[in-house]
C-alpha atoms as a PDB file:
ATOM      1  CA  MET A   1      11.586 -31.477  -8.905  1.00  0.00           C
ATOM      2  CA  SER A   2       9.607 -33.278 -11.579  1.00  0.00           C
ATOM      3  CA  ASP A   3       7.075 -31.517 -13.814  1.00  0.00           C
ATOM      4  CA  LEU A   4       3.839 -31.011 -11.862  1.00  0.00           C
ATOM      5  CA  SER A   5       2.235 -28.670 -14.417  1.00  0.00           C
ATOM      6  CA  ASN A   6      -0.356 -31.273 -15.431  1.00  0.00           C
ATOM      7  CA  TYR A   7      -1.466 -32.021 -11.875  1.00  0.00           C
ATOM      8  CA  THR A   8      -3.570 -30.321  -9.230  1.00  0.00           C
ATOM      9  CA  GLN A   9      -2.236 -30.312  -5.677  1.00  0.00           C
ATOM     10  CA  ARG A  10      -4.964 -30.882  -3.073  1.00  0.00           C
ATOM     11  CA  VAL A  11      -4.223 -29.133   0.222  1.00  0.00           C
ATOM     12  CA  PHE A  12      -5.396 -30.684   3.500  1.00  0.00           C
ATOM     13  CA  SER A  13      -4.342 -30.495   7.143  1.00  0.00           C
ATOM     14  CA  SER A  14      -2.900 -33.178   9.395  1.00  0.00           C
ATOM     15  CA  LEU A  15      -0.693 -33.106  12.484  1.00  0.00           C
ATOM     16  CA  LYS A  16       2.764 -34.743  12.182  1.00  0.00           C
ATOM     17  CA  HIS A  17       4.906 -35.605  15.224  1.00  0.00           C
ATOM     18  CA  ILE A  18       8.015 -34.302  13.386  1.00  0.00           C
ATOM     19  CA  PRO A  19       9.803 -30.957  13.968  1.00  0.00           C
ATOM     20  CA  ALA A  20       9.207 -28.608  11.038  1.00  0.00           C
ATOM     21  CA  VAL A  21      12.962 -28.181  10.535  1.00  0.00           C
ATOM     22  CA  ASP A  22      13.292 -31.948   9.904  1.00  0.00           C
ATOM     23  CA  PHE A  23      10.110 -32.593   7.913  1.00  0.00           C
ATOM     24  CA  ILE A  24      10.650 -33.656   4.277  1.00  0.00           C
ATOM     25  CA  GLY A  25       7.323 -35.085   3.120  1.00  0.00           C
ATOM     26  CA  GLN A  26       6.407 -35.840  -0.464  1.00  0.00           C
ATOM     27  CA  GLU A  27       7.127 -33.592  -3.404  1.00  0.00           C
ATOM     28  CA  GLY A  28       4.498 -30.846  -3.585  1.00  0.00           C
ATOM     29  CA  ASP A  29       3.330 -31.160   0.055  1.00  0.00           C
ATOM     30  CA  LEU A  30       2.520 -27.870   1.774  1.00  0.00           C
ATOM     31  CA  PHE A  31       3.270 -27.578   5.473  1.00  0.00           C
ATOM     32  CA  PHE A  32       3.218 -24.867   8.114  1.00  0.00           C
ATOM     33  CA  HIS A  33       6.130 -23.900  10.363  1.00  0.00           C
ATOM     34  CA  PRO A  34       4.440 -22.769  13.625  1.00  0.00           C
ATOM     35  CA  ASP A  35       7.547 -21.076  15.074  1.00  0.00           C
ATOM     36  CA  THR A  36       8.341 -18.799  12.122  1.00  0.00           C
ATOM     37  CA  GLY A  37       4.868 -18.371  10.620  1.00  0.00           C
ATOM     38  CA  GLU A  38       6.025 -19.714   7.245  1.00  0.00           C
ATOM     39  CA  LEU A  39       4.138 -21.845   4.771  1.00  0.00           C
ATOM     40  CA  ARG A  40       6.635 -24.093   2.966  1.00  0.00           C
ATOM     41  CA  ILE A  41       6.597 -26.581   0.092  1.00  0.00           C
ATOM     42  CA  SER A  42       8.396 -29.920  -0.059  1.00  0.00           C
ATOM     43  CA  ASP A  43      10.626 -30.986  -2.934  1.00  0.00           C
ATOM     44  CA  GLY A  44      10.736 -34.525  -1.560  1.00  0.00           C
ATOM     45  CA  VAL A  45      14.412 -34.199  -0.616  1.00  0.00           C
ATOM     46  CA  THR A  46      15.213 -31.090   1.436  1.00  0.00           C
ATOM     47  CA  PRO A  47      14.509 -31.072   5.199  1.00  0.00           C
ATOM     48  CA  HIS A  48      12.315 -28.073   6.090  1.00  0.00           C
ATOM     49  CA  GLY A  49      11.327 -27.692   2.428  1.00  0.00           C
ATOM     50  CA  ASN A  50      11.344 -24.316   0.703  1.00  0.00           C
ATOM     51  CA  PRO A  51       9.448 -21.077   1.501  1.00  0.00           C
ATOM     52  CA  ILE A  52       6.628 -20.073  -0.855  1.00  0.00           C
ATOM     53  CA  PHE A  53       7.458 -16.530  -1.946  1.00  0.00           C
ATOM     54  CA  VAL A  54       7.351 -15.145   1.591  1.00  0.00           C
ATOM     55  CA  GLN A  55       8.442 -11.537   2.021  1.00  0.00           C
ATOM     56  CA  GLY A  56       9.307 -10.243   5.453  1.00  0.00           C
ATOM     57  CA  GLY A  57       7.501  -7.233   6.869  1.00  0.00           C
ATOM     58  CA  SER A  58       7.624  -5.027   9.922  1.00  0.00           C
ATOM     59  CA  GLY A  59       6.161  -5.889  13.288  1.00  0.00           C
ATOM     60  CA  GLY A  60       6.559  -9.631  12.795  1.00  0.00           C
ATOM     61  CA  THR A  61       4.081  -9.726   9.886  1.00  0.00           C
ATOM     62  CA  PHE A  62       4.637 -11.173   6.435  1.00  0.00           C
ATOM     63  CA  THR A  63       3.027 -11.192   3.018  1.00  0.00           C
ATOM     64  CA  LEU A  64       2.341 -14.532   1.339  1.00  0.00           C
ATOM     65  CA  LYS A  65       2.143 -14.619  -2.438  1.00  0.00           C
ATOM     66  CA  LEU A  66       0.466 -17.677  -3.953  1.00  0.00           C
ATOM     67  CA  TYR A  67      -0.215 -17.667  -7.656  1.00  0.00           C
ATOM     68  CA  ALA A  68       0.233 -19.744 -10.798  1.00  0.00           C
ATOM     69  CA  SER A  69       1.072 -18.703 -14.335  1.00  0.00           C
ATOM     70  CA  SER A  70       1.501 -20.549 -17.595  1.00  0.00           C
ATOM     71  CA  GLY A  71       4.196 -20.011 -20.176  1.00  0.00           C
ATOM     72  CA  ASP A  72       7.261 -17.793 -20.270  1.00  0.00           C
ATOM     73  CA  PRO A  73       6.118 -14.450 -21.728  1.00  0.00           C
ATOM     74  CA  ALA A  74       8.604 -12.431 -23.724  1.00  0.00           C
ATOM     75  CA  SER A  75       7.195  -9.301 -22.081  1.00  0.00           C
ATOM     76  CA  PRO A  76       6.301 -10.214 -18.475  1.00  0.00           C
ATOM     77  CA  PRO A  77       3.818  -7.954 -16.664  1.00  0.00           C
ATOM     78  CA  ILE A  78       5.134  -4.876 -14.849  1.00  0.00           C
ATOM     79  CA  ALA A  79       3.572  -3.329 -11.714  1.00  0.00           C
ATOM     80  CA  THR A  80       5.020  -0.020 -10.521  1.00  0.00           C
ATOM     81  CA  GLY A  81       2.072   1.602  -8.738  1.00  0.00           C
ATOM     82  CA  ALA A  82       1.655   1.261  -4.977  1.00  0.00           C
ATOM     83  CA  ASN A  83      -0.226  -1.993  -4.201  1.00  0.00           C
ATOM     84  CA  SER A  84      -0.871  -2.523  -7.919  1.00  0.00           C
ATOM     85  CA  THR A  85      -1.092  -5.788  -9.858  1.00  0.00           C
ATOM     86  CA  ALA A  86      -0.306  -6.555 -13.507  1.00  0.00           C
ATOM     87  CA  LEU A  87      -1.459  -9.811 -15.120  1.00  0.00           C
ATOM     88  CA  GLY A  88      -0.516 -11.328 -18.463  1.00  0.00           C
ATOM     89  CA  GLU A  89       2.020 -10.599 -21.159  1.00  0.00           C
ATOM     90  CA  GLY A  90       2.434  -6.914 -21.931  1.00  0.00           C
ATOM     91  CA  ALA A  91       0.401  -5.631 -18.986  1.00  0.00           C
ATOM     92  CA  ILE A  92       1.610  -2.617 -17.035  1.00  0.00           C
ATOM     93  CA  SER A  93       0.083  -1.283 -13.832  1.00  0.00           C
ATOM     94  CA  TYR A  94       1.243   2.151 -12.673  1.00  0.00           C
ATOM     95  CA  ALA A  95      -1.638   3.544 -10.581  1.00  0.00           C
ATOM     96  CA  ALA A  96      -2.276   3.007  -6.864  1.00  0.00           C
ATOM     97  CA  GLY A  97      -4.214  -0.187  -6.175  1.00  0.00           C
ATOM     98  CA  ALA A  98      -4.787  -0.830  -9.882  1.00  0.00           C
ATOM     99  CA  VAL A  99      -5.248  -4.264 -11.461  1.00  0.00           C
ATOM    100  CA  ASN A 100      -4.379  -4.358 -15.163  1.00  0.00           C
ATOM    101  CA  GLN A 101      -4.605  -7.377 -17.450  1.00  0.00           C
ATOM    102  CA  ALA A 102      -3.324  -8.075 -20.957  1.00  0.00           C
ATOM    103  CA  ALA A 103      -2.991 -11.082 -23.240  1.00  0.00           C
ATOM    104  CA  GLY A 104      -0.138  -9.769 -25.345  1.00  0.00           C
ATOM    105  CA  MET A 105       0.455  -6.425 -26.982  1.00  0.00           C
ATOM    106  CA  PHE A 106       0.684  -4.724 -30.358  1.00  0.00           C
ATOM    107  CA  THR A 107       4.080  -3.040 -30.012  1.00  0.00           C
ATOM    108  CA  GLY A 108       4.478  -1.859 -26.413  1.00  0.00           C
ATOM    109  CA  TYR A 109       3.424  -2.400 -22.814  1.00  0.00           C
ATOM    110  CA  GLY A 110      -0.182  -1.459 -22.004  1.00  0.00           C
ATOM    111  CA  ASP A 111      -1.294  -0.814 -25.580  1.00  0.00           C
ATOM    112  CA  ALA A 112      -3.987  -3.537 -25.356  1.00  0.00           C
ATOM    113  CA  GLN A 113      -5.145  -4.037 -21.789  1.00  0.00           C
ATOM    114  CA  THR A 114      -7.973  -3.652 -19.309  1.00  0.00           C
ATOM    115  CA  GLY A 115      -7.901  -1.902 -15.966  1.00  0.00           C
ATOM    116  CA  SER A 116      -9.699  -2.053 -12.629  1.00  0.00           C
ATOM    117  CA  TYR A 117      -9.340   0.860 -10.216  1.00  0.00           C
ATOM    118  CA  ILE A 118     -10.942   1.869  -6.903  1.00  0.00           C
ATOM    119  CA  ALA A 119     -11.348   5.472  -5.779  1.00  0.00           C
ATOM    120  CA  ARG A 120     -12.675   6.909  -2.520  1.00  0.00           C
ATOM    121  CA  ASN A 121     -13.282  10.065  -0.487  1.00  0.00           C
ATOM    122  CA  ILE A 122     -15.647  11.645   2.061  1.00  0.00           C
ATOM    123  CA  THR A 123     -17.974  14.634   1.675  1.00  0.00           C
ATOM    124  CA  THR A 124     -19.498  16.790   4.419  1.00  0.00           C
ATOM    125  CA  ASP A 125     -21.086  19.533   2.299  1.00  0.00           C
ATOM    126  CA  ASN A 126     -22.837  20.095  -1.035  1.00  0.00           C
ATOM    127  CA  VAL A 127     -19.769  21.157  -3.023  1.00  0.00           C
ATOM    128  CA  LEU A 128     -18.367  18.913  -5.747  1.00  0.00           C
ATOM    129  CA  LYS A 129     -15.386  17.015  -4.347  1.00  0.00           C
ATOM    130  CA  GLU A 130     -12.902  14.845  -6.202  1.00  0.00           C
ATOM    131  CA  ILE A 131     -12.338  11.228  -5.197  1.00  0.00           C
ATOM    132  CA  PHE A 132      -8.921   9.613  -5.652  1.00  0.00           C
ATOM    133  CA  LEU A 133      -7.326   6.197  -6.185  1.00  0.00           C
ATOM    134  CA  ASP A 134      -5.301   6.517  -2.986  1.00  0.00           C
ATOM    135  CA  GLY A 135      -7.960   8.574  -1.196  1.00  0.00           C
ATOM    136  CA  VAL A 136      -5.666  11.616  -1.319  1.00  0.00           C
ATOM    137  CA  SER A 137      -4.440  12.793  -4.726  1.00  0.00           C
ATOM    138  CA  GLU A 138      -3.836  10.055  -7.309  1.00  0.00           C
ATOM    139  CA  ARG A 139      -5.898   9.870 -10.491  1.00  0.00           C
ATOM    140  CA  ILE A 140      -6.030   7.682 -13.594  1.00  0.00           C
ATOM    141  CA  GLN A 141      -3.391   8.927 -16.008  1.00  0.00           C
ATOM    142  CA  VAL A 142      -4.149   8.668 -19.733  1.00  0.00           C
ATOM    143  CA  PRO A 143      -0.921   8.168 -21.723  1.00  0.00           C
ATOM    144  CA  PRO A 144      -0.192   9.776 -25.111  1.00  0.00           C
ATOM    145  CA  ASN A 145      -1.895   8.345 -28.201  1.00  0.00           C
ATOM    146  CA  ALA A 146      -4.510   6.452 -26.203  1.00  0.00           C
ATOM    147  CA  THR A 147      -8.244   5.845 -26.162  1.00  0.00           C
ATOM    148  CA  VAL A 148      -9.775   4.660 -22.906  1.00  0.00           C
ATOM    149  CA  SER A 149     -13.342   3.499 -22.347  1.00  0.00           C
ATOM    150  CA  PHE A 150     -14.700   3.507 -18.803  1.00  0.00           C
ATOM    151  CA  ASN A 151     -17.582   1.957 -16.903  1.00  0.00           C
ATOM    152  CA  ILE A 152     -17.767   3.397 -13.400  1.00  0.00           C
ATOM    153  CA  GLU A 153     -20.012   2.327 -10.535  1.00  0.00           C
ATOM    154  CA  ILE A 154     -20.152   4.748  -7.612  1.00  0.00           C
ATOM    155  CA  THR A 155     -21.678   3.820  -4.264  1.00  0.00           C
ATOM    156  CA  ALA A 156     -22.321   6.338  -1.486  1.00  0.00           C
ATOM    157  CA  ARG A 157     -23.444   5.922   2.125  1.00  0.00           C
ATOM    158  CA  ARG A 158     -24.134   8.408   4.873  1.00  0.00           C
ATOM    159  CA  THR A 159     -22.191   7.436   8.009  1.00  0.00           C
ATOM    160  CA  ASP A 160     -22.888  10.068  10.687  1.00  0.00           C
ATOM    161  CA  SER A 161     -26.557   9.220  11.270  1.00  0.00           C
ATOM    162  CA  GLY A 162     -29.654   8.058   9.475  1.00  0.00           C
ATOM    163  CA  GLN A 163     -29.682   5.513   6.676  1.00  0.00           C
ATOM    164  CA  GLU A 164     -29.100   7.064   3.275  1.00  0.00           C
ATOM    165  CA  GLY A 165     -27.292   5.772   0.210  1.00  0.00           C
ATOM    166  CA  ALA A 166     -26.978   6.117  -3.540  1.00  0.00           C
ATOM    167  CA  ILE A 167     -25.587   4.245  -6.561  1.00  0.00           C
ATOM    168  CA  TYR A 168     -24.592   5.827  -9.870  1.00  0.00           C
ATOM    169  CA  GLU A 169     -23.134   4.510 -13.121  1.00  0.00           C
ATOM    170  CA  LEU A 170     -21.025   6.528 -15.559  1.00  0.00           C
ATOM    171  CA  ARG A 171     -20.154   5.145 -18.992  1.00  0.00           C
ATOM    172  CA  GLY A 172     -18.068   6.804 -21.672  1.00  0.00           C
ATOM    173  CA  GLY A 173     -14.533   7.275 -22.887  1.00  0.00           C
ATOM    174  CA  ALA A 174     -11.628   9.657 -23.350  1.00  0.00           C
ATOM    175  CA  ASP A 175      -9.091  10.248 -26.095  1.00  0.00           C
ATOM    176  CA  ARG A 176      -5.582  11.727 -25.961  1.00  0.00           C
ATOM    177  CA  GLY A 177      -3.256  12.626 -28.813  1.00  0.00           C
ATOM    178  CA  ALA A 178       0.504  12.725 -28.888  1.00  0.00           C
ATOM    179  CA  PHE A 179       0.906  15.985 -26.981  1.00  0.00           C
ATOM    180  CA  ALA A 180       0.101  17.296 -23.520  1.00  0.00           C
ATOM    181  CA  GLY A 181      -3.176  19.181 -23.322  1.00  0.00           C
ATOM    182  CA  SER A 182      -4.938  17.001 -25.896  1.00  0.00           C
ATOM    183  CA  LEU A 183      -6.999  14.830 -23.530  1.00  0.00           C
ATOM    184  CA  ALA A 184     -10.779  15.130 -23.948  1.00  0.00           C
ATOM    185  CA  LEU A 185     -13.904  13.112 -23.292  1.00  0.00           C
ATOM    186  CA  LEU A 186     -15.303  11.231 -26.266  1.00  0.00           C
ATOM    187  CA  GLY A 187     -18.726  12.749 -26.809  1.00  0.00           C
ATOM    188  CA  ARG A 188     -21.306  12.473 -24.041  1.00  0.00           C
ATOM    189  CA  VAL A 189     -20.923  10.571 -20.772  1.00  0.00           C
ATOM    190  CA  ASN A 190     -23.942   8.378 -20.077  1.00  0.00           C
ATOM    191  CA  LYS A 191     -24.970   8.712 -16.441  1.00  0.00           C
ATOM    192  CA  THR A 192     -27.523   6.427 -14.843  1.00  0.00           C
ATOM    193  CA  VAL A 193     -28.930   6.973 -11.381  1.00  0.00           C
ATOM    194  CA  ILE A 194     -29.333   3.372 -10.295  1.00  0.00           C
ATOM    195  CA  THR A 195     -30.902   4.418  -7.005  1.00  0.00           C
ATOM    196  CA  GLU A 196     -30.617   7.260  -4.504  1.00  0.00           C
ATOM    197  CA  ASP A 197     -32.303   8.273  -1.261  1.00  0.00           C
ATOM    198  CA  ASN A 198     -31.679  11.955  -1.913  1.00  0.00           C
ATOM    199  CA  SER A 199     -31.700  13.637  -5.330  1.00  0.00           C
ATOM    200  CA  ALA A 200     -29.343  16.371  -4.076  1.00  0.00           C
ATOM    201  CA  TRP A 201     -26.435  13.914  -4.284  1.00  0.00           C
ATOM    202  CA  ASP A 202     -24.576  13.569  -7.566  1.00  0.00           C
ATOM    203  CA  ALA A 203     -21.549  12.152  -9.397  1.00  0.00           C
ATOM    204  CA  THR A 204     -19.740  13.136 -12.592  1.00  0.00           C
ATOM    205  CA  ILE A 205     -16.443  12.745 -14.453  1.00  0.00           C
ATOM    206  CA  THR A 206     -14.212  15.195 -16.321  1.00  0.00           C
ATOM    207  CA  ALA A 207     -11.063  14.947 -18.425  1.00  0.00           C
ATOM    208  CA  ASP A 208      -8.322  17.292 -17.243  1.00  0.00           C
ATOM    209  CA  SER A 209      -6.175  18.174 -20.254  1.00  0.00           C
ATOM    210  CA  ALA A 210      -3.556  20.006 -18.172  1.00  0.00           C
ATOM    211  CA  SER A 211      -2.640  16.875 -16.181  1.00  0.00           C
ATOM    212  CA  SER A 212      -3.847  14.276 -18.751  1.00  0.00           C
ATOM    213  CA  THR A 213      -5.953  12.595 -16.070  1.00  0.00           C
ATOM    214  CA  LEU A 214      -9.541  11.516 -15.563  1.00  0.00           C
ATOM    215  CA  ARG A 215     -11.151  13.270 -12.577  1.00  0.00           C
ATOM    216  CA  LEU A 216     -14.120  11.788 -10.740  1.00  0.00           C
ATOM    217  CA  TRP A 217     -16.363  14.148  -8.741  1.00  0.00           C
ATOM    218  CA  VAL A 218     -19.149  13.604  -6.198  1.00  0.00           C
ATOM    219  CA  LYS A 219     -21.524  15.885  -4.304  1.00  0.00           C
ATOM    220  CA  GLY A 220     -23.255  15.259  -1.014  1.00  0.00           C
ATOM    221  CA  GLU A 221     -25.129  17.524   1.402  1.00  0.00           C
ATOM    222  CA  VAL A 222     -24.342  20.090   4.064  1.00  0.00           C
ATOM    223  CA  SER A 223     -23.885  18.595   7.559  1.00  0.00           C
ATOM    224  CA  LYS A 224     -23.965  15.041   6.267  1.00  0.00           C
ATOM    225  CA  THR A 225     -20.897  12.796   6.352  1.00  0.00           C
ATOM    226  CA  ILE A 226     -20.969  10.590   3.253  1.00  0.00           C
ATOM    227  CA  ARG A 227     -18.444   7.983   2.155  1.00  0.00           C
ATOM    228  CA  TRP A 228     -17.999   7.510  -1.576  1.00  0.00           C
ATOM    229  CA  VAL A 229     -16.378   4.501  -3.276  1.00  0.00           C
ATOM    230  CA  ALA A 230     -16.029   4.060  -7.047  1.00  0.00           C
ATOM    231  CA  HIS A 231     -15.052   1.003  -9.078  1.00  0.00           C
ATOM    232  CA  ILE A 232     -13.621   2.100 -12.426  1.00  0.00           C
ATOM    233  CA  LYS A 233     -13.319  -0.512 -15.186  1.00  0.00           C
ATOM    234  CA  THR A 234     -11.433   0.446 -18.352  1.00  0.00           C
ATOM    235  CA  VAL A 235     -10.422  -0.887 -21.750  1.00  0.00           C
ATOM    236  CA  GLU A 236      -7.202   0.819 -22.844  1.00  0.00           C
ATOM    237  CA  VAL A 237      -5.798   1.004 -26.385  1.00  0.00           C
ATOM    238  CA  ARG A 238      -2.768   2.977 -27.560  1.00  0.00           C
ATOM    239  CA  ASN A 239      -0.427   3.306 -30.485  1.00  0.00           C
END
């Protein structure tokens, strides 16, 4: 295949009276195989073309990955967390559902990157309850010798009846040394109540030195079912 890096491929739909297994097309053409559910790309030579990063799944479903990247990084991104994504040279993503981005590194993976995380949980009383990245137990881990700034937006909505909601913002940072037990918040966390229908609701964050994790807490009301979702944006630096 010739170099198409300096071109943009426009995708459009048309119906061809040719079986998908025999279709060749022009180099770069995208076409759909209706029998297998595959989207394929033509190299201008091979009948049936080539699949576009299609991974099989259970129950007859599949996941389609379409993306573009430039260059050949010496340290390609690494994603190990469930449903996580790492973008750019030197990025590492290890938390559930996380999206981490880097544009190179100082000496090691993740020592100069940003992060985007989503946490959730449900409250039915007025006791502080932790919300998690996977909705069950996973938190943001702070590695040794790291400073992490965070900007967190938390949105809450009552779901059993009525129409109540709230939005909070938490801004601050945390610092961890070389050893376990050294994680601590950096000074004061700035909390802003953007809006709330009920002042009894609340949100806060703590640094747990025993587990080296950031813990996000929310509080609702007795006999009210409230869903909480937080978007956590970080800038992460380590040595």
